[in-house]
């Protein structure tokens, strides 16, 4: 067993990358004083990115197709209430963060 808890993390789709990048930026903004932009704005935008990543992960479930002689797997986008709620909340957080930056 590996001592690295992130060894099995596969970032193979854009929404997983958005989730990881948003989490890293959130951790940095919680621990380091930002210059040029308020930390609360960076935290709000990174939280929005995390929520969008979670929402898209929910909206892309694994689908397996079984045909004689072939098994196929894919991640088609299927709208769900919970996934769309995460997406909407994330878009609102990012939008509020951008508006706060511009004002």
N, C-alpha and C. Protein backbone atom coordinates (compact mmCIF):
# COMPACT_ATOMS: atom_id res chain seq x y z
N UNK A 1 0.84 -1.18 0.00
CA UNK A 1 0.00 0.00 0.00
C UNK A 1 0.88 1.24 0.00
N UNK A 2 0.54 2.16 -0.83
CA UNK A 2 1.32 3.39 -0.97
C UNK A 2 1.02 4.34 0.20
N UNK A 3 2.04 5.06 0.62
CA UNK A 3 1.83 6.03 1.69
C UNK A 3 1.25 7.34 1.17
N UNK A 4 1.22 7.51 -0.14
CA UNK A 4 0.67 8.71 -0.75
C UNK A 4 -0.83 8.53 -0.98
N UNK A 5 -1.69 9.32 -0.30
CA UNK A 5 -3.13 9.14 -0.49
C UNK A 5 -3.62 9.59 -1.87
N UNK A 6 -2.82 10.36 -2.58
CA UNK A 6 -3.23 10.85 -3.90
C UNK A 6 -2.72 9.97 -5.04
N UNK A 7 -2.11 8.83 -4.70
CA UNK A 7 -1.51 7.97 -5.73
C UNK A 7 -2.56 7.41 -6.69
N UNK A 8 -3.76 7.14 -6.20
CA UNK A 8 -4.80 6.55 -7.04
C UNK A 8 -5.74 7.59 -7.65
N UNK A 9 -5.44 8.86 -7.47
CA UNK A 9 -6.29 9.92 -8.02
C UNK A 9 -6.02 10.05 -9.51
N UNK A 10 -7.06 9.81 -10.31
CA UNK A 10 -6.94 9.95 -11.76
C UNK A 10 -7.65 11.22 -12.19
N UNK A 11 -6.90 12.15 -12.73
CA UNK A 11 -7.48 13.39 -13.24
C UNK A 11 -7.57 13.23 -14.75
N UNK A 12 -8.61 12.55 -15.19
CA UNK A 12 -8.72 12.21 -16.60
C UNK A 12 -9.79 13.01 -17.35
N UNK A 13 -10.51 13.85 -16.65
CA UNK A 13 -11.52 14.69 -17.29
C UNK A 13 -11.41 16.11 -16.77
N UNK A 14 -11.90 17.08 -17.54
CA UNK A 14 -11.73 18.49 -17.20
C UNK A 14 -12.38 18.85 -15.88
N UNK A 15 -13.50 18.24 -15.56
CA UNK A 15 -14.19 18.60 -14.33
C UNK A 15 -13.44 18.10 -13.09
N UNK A 16 -12.69 17.01 -13.22
CA UNK A 16 -11.85 16.55 -12.11
C UNK A 16 -10.66 17.48 -11.94
N UNK A 17 -10.11 17.96 -13.06
CA UNK A 17 -9.00 18.92 -12.98
C UNK A 17 -9.47 20.22 -12.35
N UNK A 18 -10.67 20.68 -12.71
CA UNK A 18 -11.22 21.90 -12.13
C UNK A 18 -11.40 21.75 -10.62
N UNK A 19 -11.85 20.58 -10.20
CA UNK A 19 -12.02 20.30 -8.77
C UNK A 19 -10.70 20.35 -8.02
N UNK A 20 -9.66 19.73 -8.57
CA UNK A 20 -8.34 19.71 -7.92
C UNK A 20 -7.72 21.10 -7.91
N UNK A 21 -7.77 21.81 -9.01
CA UNK A 21 -7.19 23.16 -9.07
C UNK A 21 -7.93 24.10 -8.11
N UNK A 22 -9.26 24.02 -8.08
CA UNK A 22 -10.03 24.85 -7.17
C UNK A 22 -9.69 24.55 -5.71
N UNK A 23 -9.50 23.28 -5.37
CA UNK A 23 -9.15 22.92 -4.00
C UNK A 23 -7.77 23.43 -3.63
N UNK A 24 -6.81 23.32 -4.55
CA UNK A 24 -5.46 23.81 -4.28
C UNK A 24 -5.44 25.33 -4.09
N UNK A 25 -6.15 26.05 -4.95
CA UNK A 25 -6.20 27.50 -4.83
C UNK A 25 -6.91 27.90 -3.54
N UNK A 26 -7.95 27.18 -3.15
CA UNK A 26 -8.65 27.47 -1.90
C UNK A 26 -7.73 27.28 -0.70
N UNK A 27 -6.98 26.20 -0.68
CA UNK A 27 -6.05 25.96 0.43
C UNK A 27 -4.98 27.04 0.50
N UNK A 28 -4.46 27.44 -0.66
CA UNK A 28 -3.45 28.51 -0.68
C UNK A 28 -4.06 29.82 -0.20
N UNK A 29 -5.26 30.14 -0.64
CA UNK A 29 -5.87 31.41 -0.26
C UNK A 29 -6.27 31.45 1.21
N UNK A 30 -6.45 30.29 1.82
CA UNK A 30 -6.75 30.24 3.25
C UNK A 30 -5.50 30.39 4.11
N UNK A 31 -4.34 30.11 3.52
CA UNK A 31 -3.12 30.11 4.33
C UNK A 31 -2.14 31.22 3.99
N UNK A 32 -2.29 31.86 2.85
CA UNK A 32 -1.34 32.89 2.40
C UNK A 32 -2.11 34.17 2.09
N UNK A 33 -1.56 35.30 2.53
CA UNK A 33 -2.17 36.60 2.21
C UNK A 33 -1.90 36.95 0.76
N UNK A 34 -2.95 37.12 -0.03
CA UNK A 34 -2.80 37.46 -1.44
C UNK A 34 -2.51 38.95 -1.60
N UNK A 35 -1.76 39.27 -2.63
CA UNK A 35 -1.48 40.67 -2.94
C UNK A 35 -2.16 41.02 -4.26
N UNK A 36 -2.84 42.14 -4.29
CA UNK A 36 -3.51 42.59 -5.50
C UNK A 36 -4.97 42.20 -5.59
N UNK A 37 -5.36 41.21 -4.80
CA UNK A 37 -6.77 40.79 -4.78
C UNK A 37 -7.08 40.31 -3.37
N UNK A 38 -8.31 40.54 -2.95
CA UNK A 38 -8.72 40.16 -1.61
C UNK A 38 -8.84 38.64 -1.50
N UNK A 39 -8.42 38.09 -0.38
CA UNK A 39 -8.49 36.64 -0.18
C UNK A 39 -9.91 36.10 -0.26
N UNK A 40 -10.88 36.88 0.21
CA UNK A 40 -12.27 36.41 0.18
C UNK A 40 -12.77 36.21 -1.25
N UNK A 41 -12.29 37.04 -2.17
CA UNK A 41 -12.68 36.89 -3.58
C UNK A 41 -12.08 35.62 -4.16
N UNK A 42 -10.80 35.38 -3.87
CA UNK A 42 -10.14 34.17 -4.37
C UNK A 42 -10.81 32.93 -3.78
N UNK A 43 -11.16 32.99 -2.51
CA UNK A 43 -11.83 31.86 -1.87
C UNK A 43 -13.20 31.61 -2.49
N UNK A 44 -13.92 32.66 -2.79
CA UNK A 44 -15.25 32.51 -3.39
C UNK A 44 -15.16 31.91 -4.79
N UNK A 45 -14.23 32.38 -5.59
CA UNK A 45 -14.08 31.86 -6.95
C UNK A 45 -13.59 30.41 -6.92
N UNK A 46 -12.64 30.10 -6.04
CA UNK A 46 -12.15 28.72 -5.98
C UNK A 46 -13.22 27.79 -5.43
N UNK A 47 -14.04 28.25 -4.48
CA UNK A 47 -15.16 27.44 -4.00
C UNK A 47 -16.15 27.19 -5.14
N UNK A 48 -16.40 28.21 -5.95
CA UNK A 48 -17.27 28.03 -7.12
C UNK A 48 -16.72 27.02 -8.09
N UNK A 49 -15.40 27.03 -8.31
CA UNK A 49 -14.77 26.05 -9.20
C UNK A 49 -14.92 24.64 -8.63
N UNK A 50 -14.75 24.50 -7.33
CA UNK A 50 -14.93 23.19 -6.69
C UNK A 50 -16.36 22.70 -6.87
N UNK A 51 -17.33 23.58 -6.66
CA UNK A 51 -18.73 23.19 -6.80
C UNK A 51 -19.08 22.81 -8.24
N UNK A 52 -18.54 23.53 -9.20
CA UNK A 52 -18.78 23.19 -10.61
C UNK A 52 -18.15 21.83 -10.93
N UNK A 53 -16.95 21.59 -10.42
CA UNK A 53 -16.30 20.29 -10.64
C UNK A 53 -17.11 19.15 -10.05
N UNK A 54 -17.63 19.33 -8.84
CA UNK A 54 -18.46 18.30 -8.22
C UNK A 54 -19.75 18.09 -9.01
N UNK A 55 -20.38 19.19 -9.42
CA UNK A 55 -21.62 19.09 -10.18
C UNK A 55 -21.45 18.37 -11.50
N UNK A 56 -20.36 18.66 -12.20
CA UNK A 56 -20.12 17.98 -13.47
C UNK A 56 -19.74 16.52 -13.26
N UNK A 57 -19.07 16.22 -12.18
CA UNK A 57 -18.74 14.83 -11.87
C UNK A 57 -20.03 14.04 -11.61
N UNK A 58 -20.98 14.67 -10.92
CA UNK A 58 -22.27 14.02 -10.69
C UNK A 58 -23.02 13.85 -12.01
N UNK A 59 -22.94 14.84 -12.90
CA UNK A 59 -23.67 14.80 -14.17
C UNK A 59 -23.01 13.92 -15.23
N UNK A 60 -21.85 13.35 -14.95
CA UNK A 60 -21.17 12.45 -15.89
C UNK A 60 -20.99 11.07 -15.26
N UNK A 61 -22.08 10.32 -15.04
CA UNK A 61 -21.93 9.00 -14.42
C UNK A 61 -21.36 7.98 -15.41
N UNK A 62 -20.76 6.94 -14.88
CA UNK A 62 -20.22 5.87 -15.71
C UNK A 62 -21.38 5.07 -16.31
N UNK A 63 -21.35 4.89 -17.61
CA UNK A 63 -22.34 4.06 -18.31
C UNK A 63 -21.61 2.93 -19.02
N UNK A 64 -22.09 1.72 -18.82
CA UNK A 64 -21.48 0.56 -19.46
C UNK A 64 -22.48 -0.02 -20.45
N UNK A 65 -22.02 -0.26 -21.67
CA UNK A 65 -22.84 -0.85 -22.71
C UNK A 65 -22.30 -2.25 -23.01
N UNK A 66 -23.20 -3.24 -22.99
CA UNK A 66 -22.79 -4.60 -23.27
C UNK A 66 -23.47 -5.05 -24.55
N UNK A 67 -22.65 -5.36 -25.54
CA UNK A 67 -23.11 -5.86 -26.83
C UNK A 67 -22.36 -7.18 -27.04
N UNK A 68 -22.95 -8.17 -27.67
CA UNK A 68 -22.23 -9.43 -27.86
C UNK A 68 -20.84 -9.20 -28.50
N UNK A 69 -19.82 -9.60 -27.78
CA UNK A 69 -18.45 -9.46 -28.26
C UNK A 69 -17.81 -8.13 -27.91
N UNK A 70 -18.51 -7.26 -27.20
CA UNK A 70 -17.94 -5.94 -26.90
C UNK A 70 -18.57 -5.34 -25.65
N UNK A 71 -17.74 -4.77 -24.80
CA UNK A 71 -18.22 -4.03 -23.63
C UNK A 71 -17.61 -2.64 -23.71
N UNK A 72 -18.46 -1.63 -23.70
CA UNK A 72 -17.99 -0.26 -23.81
C UNK A 72 -18.39 0.54 -22.58
N UNK A 73 -17.50 1.42 -22.17
CA UNK A 73 -17.80 2.31 -21.05
C UNK A 73 -17.62 3.76 -21.51
N UNK A 74 -18.44 4.63 -20.97
CA UNK A 74 -18.33 6.04 -21.30
C UNK A 74 -18.91 6.86 -20.15
N UNK A 75 -18.70 8.16 -20.23
CA UNK A 75 -19.21 9.10 -19.24
C UNK A 75 -20.04 10.17 -19.93
N UNK A 76 -21.23 9.83 -20.44
CA UNK A 76 -22.05 10.84 -21.11
C UNK A 76 -22.64 11.80 -20.09
N UNK A 77 -22.91 13.03 -20.51
CA UNK A 77 -23.50 14.00 -19.60
C UNK A 77 -24.99 13.73 -19.48
N UNK A 78 -25.43 13.49 -18.25
CA UNK A 78 -26.84 13.26 -17.96
C UNK A 78 -27.22 14.25 -16.86
N UNK A 79 -28.14 15.14 -17.16
CA UNK A 79 -28.54 16.15 -16.18
C UNK A 79 -29.24 15.51 -14.99
N UNK A 80 -28.80 15.89 -13.79
CA UNK A 80 -29.44 15.48 -12.55
C UNK A 80 -29.72 16.73 -11.73
N UNK A 81 -30.70 16.63 -10.84
CA UNK A 81 -31.03 17.79 -10.00
C UNK A 81 -29.85 18.17 -9.13
N UNK A 82 -29.23 17.19 -8.50
CA UNK A 82 -28.13 17.51 -7.59
C UNK A 82 -26.93 18.07 -8.35
N UNK A 83 -26.60 17.49 -9.49
CA UNK A 83 -25.48 17.99 -10.28
C UNK A 83 -25.72 19.40 -10.78
N UNK A 84 -26.92 19.66 -11.26
CA UNK A 84 -27.24 21.01 -11.75
C UNK A 84 -27.29 22.02 -10.61
N UNK A 85 -27.71 21.59 -9.41
CA UNK A 85 -27.72 22.48 -8.25
C UNK A 85 -26.28 22.87 -7.87
N UNK A 86 -25.37 21.90 -7.87
CA UNK A 86 -23.96 22.21 -7.61
C UNK A 86 -23.41 23.16 -8.68
N UNK A 87 -23.74 22.89 -9.96
CA UNK A 87 -23.27 23.75 -11.05
C UNK A 87 -23.79 25.18 -10.89
N UNK A 88 -25.07 25.32 -10.62
CA UNK A 88 -25.67 26.65 -10.48
C UNK A 88 -25.07 27.41 -9.30
N UNK A 89 -24.89 26.73 -8.18
CA UNK A 89 -24.29 27.36 -7.02
C UNK A 89 -22.85 27.78 -7.31
N UNK A 90 -22.12 26.93 -8.02
CA UNK A 90 -20.75 27.27 -8.40
C UNK A 90 -20.66 28.45 -9.33
N UNK A 91 -21.56 28.50 -10.31
CA UNK A 91 -21.57 29.63 -11.25
C UNK A 91 -21.91 30.93 -10.52
N UNK A 92 -22.83 30.85 -9.57
CA UNK A 92 -23.18 32.04 -8.78
C UNK A 92 -21.97 32.50 -7.97
N UNK A 93 -21.26 31.57 -7.33
CA UNK A 93 -20.07 31.94 -6.53
C UNK A 93 -19.00 32.59 -7.41
N UNK A 94 -18.73 32.01 -8.57
CA UNK A 94 -17.72 32.58 -9.48
C UNK A 94 -18.17 33.95 -9.97
N UNK A 95 -19.45 34.09 -10.31
CA UNK A 95 -19.95 35.38 -10.80
C UNK A 95 -19.87 36.46 -9.73
N UNK A 96 -20.24 36.13 -8.51
CA UNK A 96 -20.15 37.11 -7.42
C UNK A 96 -18.70 37.49 -7.17
N UNK A 97 -17.80 36.52 -7.25
CA UNK A 97 -16.38 36.81 -7.07
C UNK A 97 -15.84 37.74 -8.15
N UNK A 98 -16.25 37.53 -9.39
CA UNK A 98 -15.81 38.39 -10.49
C UNK A 98 -16.37 39.79 -10.33
N UNK A 99 -17.65 39.89 -9.95
CA UNK A 99 -18.25 41.21 -9.75
C UNK A 99 -17.56 41.95 -8.62
N UNK A 100 -17.22 41.25 -7.52
CA UNK A 100 -16.51 41.88 -6.41
C UNK A 100 -15.13 42.36 -6.85
N UNK A 101 -14.49 41.64 -7.74
CA UNK A 101 -13.19 42.04 -8.24
C UNK A 101 -13.29 43.31 -9.07
N UNK A 102 -14.33 43.42 -9.86
CA UNK A 102 -14.49 44.56 -10.77
C UNK A 102 -14.96 45.82 -10.05
N UNK A 103 -15.59 45.68 -8.90
CA UNK A 103 -16.12 46.85 -8.19
C UNK A 103 -15.14 47.39 -7.18
